[in-house]
Amino acid sequence: MIAGTGFKGKGGRADYTVYSKMRFPILDAPAYANSQSFMNLGDCDSTGRVSVGMAGRVPTYRCRIGGPTLLKDESASGNYAYPWRDNFCEHRYFDVGQCPGGFGHQGQDIRPSSCKQRFEGGGCEPYQHDVVGGARGNWLLRSSGQMPVYLFVNAPNEHIRFRYPAHVSRQLDQEAVYSGRILKEGEEFGKVGNFFQRERATTYHLHFDMQVPTKYGWVFVNPYTTLWLPTSG
C-alpha cells in the first residue's frame, strides 16, 4: 500500500493466498494494480487535498492522508508504471474485517495499459480497454440497469465469486450481459470505465474484487496475490 492511506492511518495485512485459478480480468497486457484515489489526479477518497504549486504547466497537490506530491494529470507516468500496489485496505468506509482499521476498499484497482486523453492535463477517455471473464464456466448475475457484474465459479475444488462494480461500461445492457449467461474464460463482456461514468468522476480503472463463501456469508478476500500470480489464461 501507499504509506498512510489505510483507514485511521493503519496499514494492510499480508495475505499470500491464491484464491482462484483465474485469467487476469483485463484482456491486454500490461496492466497496473495501484490506487486510483491516492495517485495522480485521484480524489484522495474525498478526504481533502492541498495544492503545492506547479510542475511546469501542471498543478500539483498532496492528499491530506498519504504524502506523495501528485500531478493533476491522469496520464502521469507514475500511474502507468511498476511496481504494483495493493489497495485492498486503502481508506474507504466499507466494512472489511481483514483490515487492521476495520474498514477498507474491498478490492483492487487496476489501470489498463494506457491512457487516451481528451486534452493535455485531463482525465482518460473511458471504454478503450476490454474486460474479460476470469475463470472457466463462470455464470453471471446481473439485472438490467444494474451496475455491478457478479461472476460465480462453482467447481469441485473452487467456490468463489468475482465482482466488477460500477466501472465497467454502461454498454452492458446493449451486450445482453444478464443473469444466466455463461461466460468463457477470457470472453469479453465490457470495457474499463470510471466510477458513475460521468465527467469528473474517479479515474480510469477497473475495480476488481473477490468473495468466498463462509458460515458468515460471502466474505471479501484480498485479490492482490491471485492477480499477481494468475494460474491460467
Protein backbone atom coordinates (compact mmCIF):
# COMPACT_ATOMS: atom_id res chain seq x y z
CA MET A 1 0.00 0.00 0.00
CA ILE A 2 0.93 3.64 -0.33
CA ALA A 3 2.10 4.67 3.13
CA GLY A 4 -0.53 6.38 5.25
CA THR A 5 -3.52 5.60 3.04
CA GLY A 6 -5.13 2.96 5.26
CA PHE A 7 -8.15 3.74 7.43
CA LYS A 8 -7.05 5.75 10.51
CA GLY A 9 -3.50 5.63 9.14
CA LYS A 10 -3.20 1.89 9.61
CA GLY A 11 -1.63 -0.35 7.00
CA GLY A 12 -2.75 -3.56 5.37
CA ARG A 13 -2.39 -7.20 6.30
CA ALA A 14 -0.31 -9.62 4.27
CA ASP A 15 -2.33 -12.33 2.53
CA TYR A 16 -0.36 -14.64 0.24
CA THR A 17 -3.30 -16.89 -0.66
CA VAL A 18 -4.03 -17.55 -4.34
CA TYR A 19 -7.80 -17.95 -4.18
CA SER A 20 -8.57 -18.93 -7.76
CA LYS A 21 -7.16 -20.44 -10.93
CA MET A 22 -8.19 -17.46 -12.98
CA ARG A 23 -7.38 -15.39 -16.01
CA PHE A 24 -6.39 -11.76 -15.49
CA PRO A 25 -9.58 -9.64 -15.82
CA ILE A 26 -8.29 -7.15 -18.42
CA LEU A 27 -7.81 -8.51 -21.94
CA ASP A 28 -4.47 -6.98 -22.90
CA ALA A 29 -1.20 -6.59 -21.01
CA PRO A 30 0.39 -4.70 -19.44
CA ALA A 31 -1.83 -3.55 -16.60
CA TYR A 32 -1.05 -1.74 -13.36
CA ALA A 33 -2.55 -2.60 -9.99
CA ASN A 34 -2.36 0.53 -7.88
CA SER A 35 -4.51 3.24 -6.31
CA GLN A 36 -6.92 5.36 -8.33
CA SER A 37 -7.70 7.62 -5.34
CA PHE A 38 -4.23 8.37 -3.96
CA MET A 39 -2.22 8.64 -7.18
CA ASN A 40 -2.10 11.30 -9.90
CA LEU A 41 -5.46 13.06 -10.47
CA GLY A 42 -7.03 10.92 -7.74
CA ASP A 43 -9.64 12.47 -5.46
CA CYS A 44 -7.96 11.31 -2.19
CA ASP A 45 -11.18 9.42 -1.42
CA SER A 46 -12.73 12.84 -0.74
CA THR A 47 -10.55 13.28 2.37
CA GLY A 48 -9.19 16.59 1.07
CA ARG A 49 -6.15 17.73 -0.85
CA VAL A 50 -3.69 20.62 -0.61
CA SER A 51 -2.24 22.48 -3.61
CA VAL A 52 1.56 22.62 -3.63
CA GLY A 53 2.37 24.62 -6.75
CA MET A 54 3.10 23.75 -10.35
CA ALA A 55 5.23 21.23 -12.24
CA GLY A 56 5.69 23.12 -15.48
CA ARG A 57 2.12 23.77 -16.64
CA VAL A 58 0.57 21.03 -14.48
CA PRO A 59 -0.82 21.80 -10.98
CA THR A 60 0.46 19.63 -8.14
CA TYR A 61 -1.15 18.66 -4.84
CA ARG A 62 -0.97 16.33 -1.85
CA CYS A 63 -3.73 14.31 -0.24
CA ARG A 64 -4.39 15.17 3.40
CA ILE A 65 -3.78 11.49 4.13
CA GLY A 66 -0.81 9.87 2.48
CA GLY A 67 2.04 12.10 1.44
CA PRO A 68 3.44 11.97 -2.12
CA THR A 69 3.29 15.03 -4.37
CA LEU A 70 0.81 14.27 -7.14
CA LEU A 71 0.02 15.74 -10.54
CA LYS A 72 -3.45 16.75 -11.71
CA ASP A 73 -2.83 14.71 -14.84
CA GLU A 74 -4.12 11.16 -15.13
CA SER A 75 -1.64 10.25 -17.87
CA ALA A 76 1.30 10.89 -15.48
CA SER A 77 3.90 8.15 -15.80
CA GLY A 78 3.56 7.08 -12.17
CA ASN A 79 0.05 5.82 -12.84
CA TYR A 80 1.25 3.53 -15.62
CA ALA A 81 4.38 2.04 -14.15
CA TYR A 82 5.55 -0.73 -11.85
CA PRO A 83 5.71 -1.66 -9.02
CA TRP A 84 2.15 -2.75 -8.37
CA ARG A 85 0.49 -1.56 -5.17
CA ASP A 86 -2.06 -3.43 -3.09
CA ASN A 87 -5.02 -1.22 -2.11
CA PHE A 88 -7.41 -3.74 -0.51
CA CYS A 89 -7.20 -1.95 2.88
CA GLU A 90 -6.98 1.56 1.46
CA HIS A 91 -9.10 4.32 3.01
CA ARG A 92 -12.79 3.65 2.33
CA TYR A 93 -15.86 3.30 4.55
CA PHE A 94 -16.66 -0.32 3.67
CA ASP A 95 -16.60 -2.98 6.38
CA VAL A 96 -13.54 -5.16 5.78
CA GLY A 97 -12.78 -7.22 8.86
CA GLN A 98 -9.45 -8.42 7.48
CA CYS A 99 -8.03 -4.88 7.52
CA PRO A 100 -6.37 -3.54 10.70
CA GLY A 101 -8.56 -0.41 10.64
CA GLY A 102 -11.76 -2.44 10.28
CA PHE A 103 -12.68 -0.61 7.07
CA GLY A 104 -11.21 -0.72 3.60
CA HIS A 105 -11.62 -0.80 -0.14
CA GLN A 106 -12.78 -4.45 -0.54
CA GLY A 107 -10.91 -5.00 -3.82
CA GLN A 108 -8.10 -3.91 -6.10
CA ASP A 109 -7.93 -1.02 -8.57
CA ILE A 110 -6.35 -1.96 -11.91
CA ARG A 111 -5.35 0.51 -14.60
CA PRO A 112 -5.12 -0.79 -18.17
CA SER A 113 -2.07 -0.35 -20.37
CA SER A 114 -2.57 3.23 -21.49
CA CYS A 115 -4.47 6.50 -21.11
CA LYS A 116 -6.02 8.26 -24.09
CA GLN A 117 -6.59 11.87 -23.08
CA ARG A 118 -9.17 14.23 -24.49
CA PHE A 119 -6.81 17.14 -23.75
CA GLU A 120 -3.44 17.58 -22.05
CA GLY A 121 -3.61 17.57 -18.27
CA GLY A 122 -7.04 15.96 -18.02
CA GLY A 123 -8.50 12.54 -17.42
CA CYS A 124 -8.53 9.47 -19.62
CA GLU A 125 -11.21 8.61 -22.15
CA PRO A 126 -13.21 5.62 -20.86
CA TYR A 127 -14.11 2.44 -22.76
CA GLN A 128 -10.76 1.92 -24.51
CA HIS A 129 -9.84 -1.48 -22.98
CA ASP A 130 -11.75 -4.76 -22.76
CA VAL A 131 -12.75 -6.59 -19.58
CA VAL A 132 -12.91 -10.40 -19.68
CA GLY A 133 -14.27 -13.31 -17.67
CA GLY A 134 -11.88 -14.58 -15.06
CA ALA A 135 -12.44 -18.34 -14.99
CA ARG A 136 -13.86 -21.30 -16.87
CA GLY A 137 -17.62 -21.83 -16.80
CA ASN A 138 -18.47 -18.87 -14.61
CA TRP A 139 -22.14 -17.92 -14.65
CA LEU A 140 -23.23 -14.34 -14.45
CA LEU A 141 -25.56 -12.47 -12.10
CA ARG A 142 -26.80 -9.04 -13.20
CA SER A 143 -30.17 -7.37 -13.81
CA SER A 144 -30.94 -4.75 -16.45
CA GLY A 145 -29.57 -1.35 -15.40
CA GLN A 146 -27.57 -2.80 -12.51
CA MET A 147 -24.01 -1.55 -12.16
CA PRO A 148 -22.14 -4.49 -10.57
CA VAL A 149 -21.45 -7.67 -12.51
CA TYR A 150 -21.03 -10.86 -10.46
CA LEU A 151 -19.32 -13.91 -11.93
CA PHE A 152 -19.74 -17.14 -9.96
CA VAL A 153 -17.42 -20.15 -10.11
CA ASN A 154 -18.82 -23.34 -8.61
CA ALA A 155 -16.40 -26.18 -9.27
CA PRO A 156 -15.49 -29.28 -7.21
CA ASN A 157 -12.41 -27.59 -5.76
CA GLU A 158 -13.29 -23.91 -6.11
CA HIS A 159 -16.22 -21.80 -4.89
CA ILE A 160 -15.74 -18.08 -5.40
CA ARG A 161 -17.38 -15.07 -6.94
CA PHE A 162 -15.77 -12.15 -8.73
CA ARG A 163 -17.34 -8.70 -8.73
CA TYR A 164 -16.77 -5.95 -11.26
CA PRO A 165 -18.68 -2.99 -9.74
CA ALA A 166 -19.60 0.31 -11.37
CA HIS A 167 -16.53 0.95 -13.50
CA VAL A 168 -17.44 -1.49 -16.30
CA SER A 169 -19.07 0.29 -19.24
CA ARG A 170 -22.72 1.27 -19.48
CA GLN A 171 -22.97 -0.80 -22.67
CA LEU A 172 -23.66 -3.93 -20.63
CA ASP A 173 -27.40 -3.82 -21.34
CA GLN A 174 -26.74 -3.46 -25.06
CA GLU A 175 -24.46 -6.50 -24.94
CA ALA A 176 -27.06 -8.59 -23.05
CA VAL A 177 -24.85 -9.12 -20.01
CA TYR A 178 -27.64 -10.54 -17.84
CA SER A 179 -28.19 -13.25 -15.25
CA GLY A 180 -27.92 -16.80 -16.50
CA ARG A 181 -25.37 -16.13 -19.21
CA ILE A 182 -22.32 -18.40 -19.07
CA LEU A 183 -19.02 -16.66 -19.74
CA LYS A 184 -15.99 -18.50 -21.01
CA GLU A 185 -12.61 -17.78 -19.53
CA GLY A 186 -11.23 -14.75 -21.36
CA GLU A 187 -14.55 -13.85 -23.01
CA GLU A 188 -15.05 -10.10 -23.38
CA PHE A 189 -18.12 -8.63 -21.69
CA GLY A 190 -17.47 -4.94 -21.04
CA LYS A 191 -14.92 -2.16 -21.16
CA VAL A 192 -12.98 -0.32 -18.48
CA GLY A 193 -14.76 2.86 -17.39
CA ASN A 194 -14.84 5.18 -14.41
CA PHE A 195 -17.00 5.37 -11.31
CA PHE A 196 -20.54 6.62 -12.03
CA GLN A 197 -19.45 7.01 -15.67
CA ARG A 198 -19.67 10.78 -15.65
CA GLU A 199 -17.42 13.79 -16.09
CA ARG A 200 -15.02 14.48 -13.20
CA ALA A 201 -15.64 11.07 -11.69
CA THR A 202 -12.94 8.73 -10.37
CA THR A 203 -10.04 7.96 -12.64
CA TYR A 204 -10.00 5.37 -15.42
CA HIS A 205 -9.67 1.89 -13.94
CA LEU A 206 -11.27 -1.47 -13.28
CA HIS A 207 -12.22 -2.23 -9.70
CA PHE A 208 -11.94 -5.99 -9.18
CA ASP A 209 -12.82 -7.92 -6.06
CA MET A 210 -13.31 -11.50 -4.91
CA GLN A 211 -15.55 -13.09 -2.30
CA VAL A 212 -15.55 -16.58 -0.81
CA PRO A 213 -18.42 -18.37 0.99
CA THR A 214 -18.12 -18.78 4.77
CA LYS A 215 -20.52 -19.54 7.61
CA TYR A 216 -20.97 -15.77 7.88
CA GLY A 217 -21.94 -15.43 4.20
CA TRP A 218 -19.84 -14.13 1.30
CA VAL A 219 -16.66 -12.50 2.63
CA PHE A 220 -14.30 -10.23 0.69
CA VAL A 221 -10.75 -11.53 0.34
CA ASN A 222 -7.69 -9.73 -0.95
CA PRO A 223 -7.28 -10.42 -4.69
CA TYR A 224 -3.76 -8.99 -4.94
CA THR A 225 -1.70 -12.19 -4.88
CA THR A 226 -4.25 -14.01 -7.06
CA LEU A 227 -3.90 -11.26 -9.68
CA TRP A 228 -0.14 -11.23 -9.35
CA LEU A 229 0.14 -14.98 -9.93
CA PRO A 230 -2.64 -15.84 -12.42
CA THR A 231 -2.63 -19.58 -12.94
CA SER A 232 -4.45 -19.84 -16.27
CA GLY A 233 -5.21 -17.83 -19.39
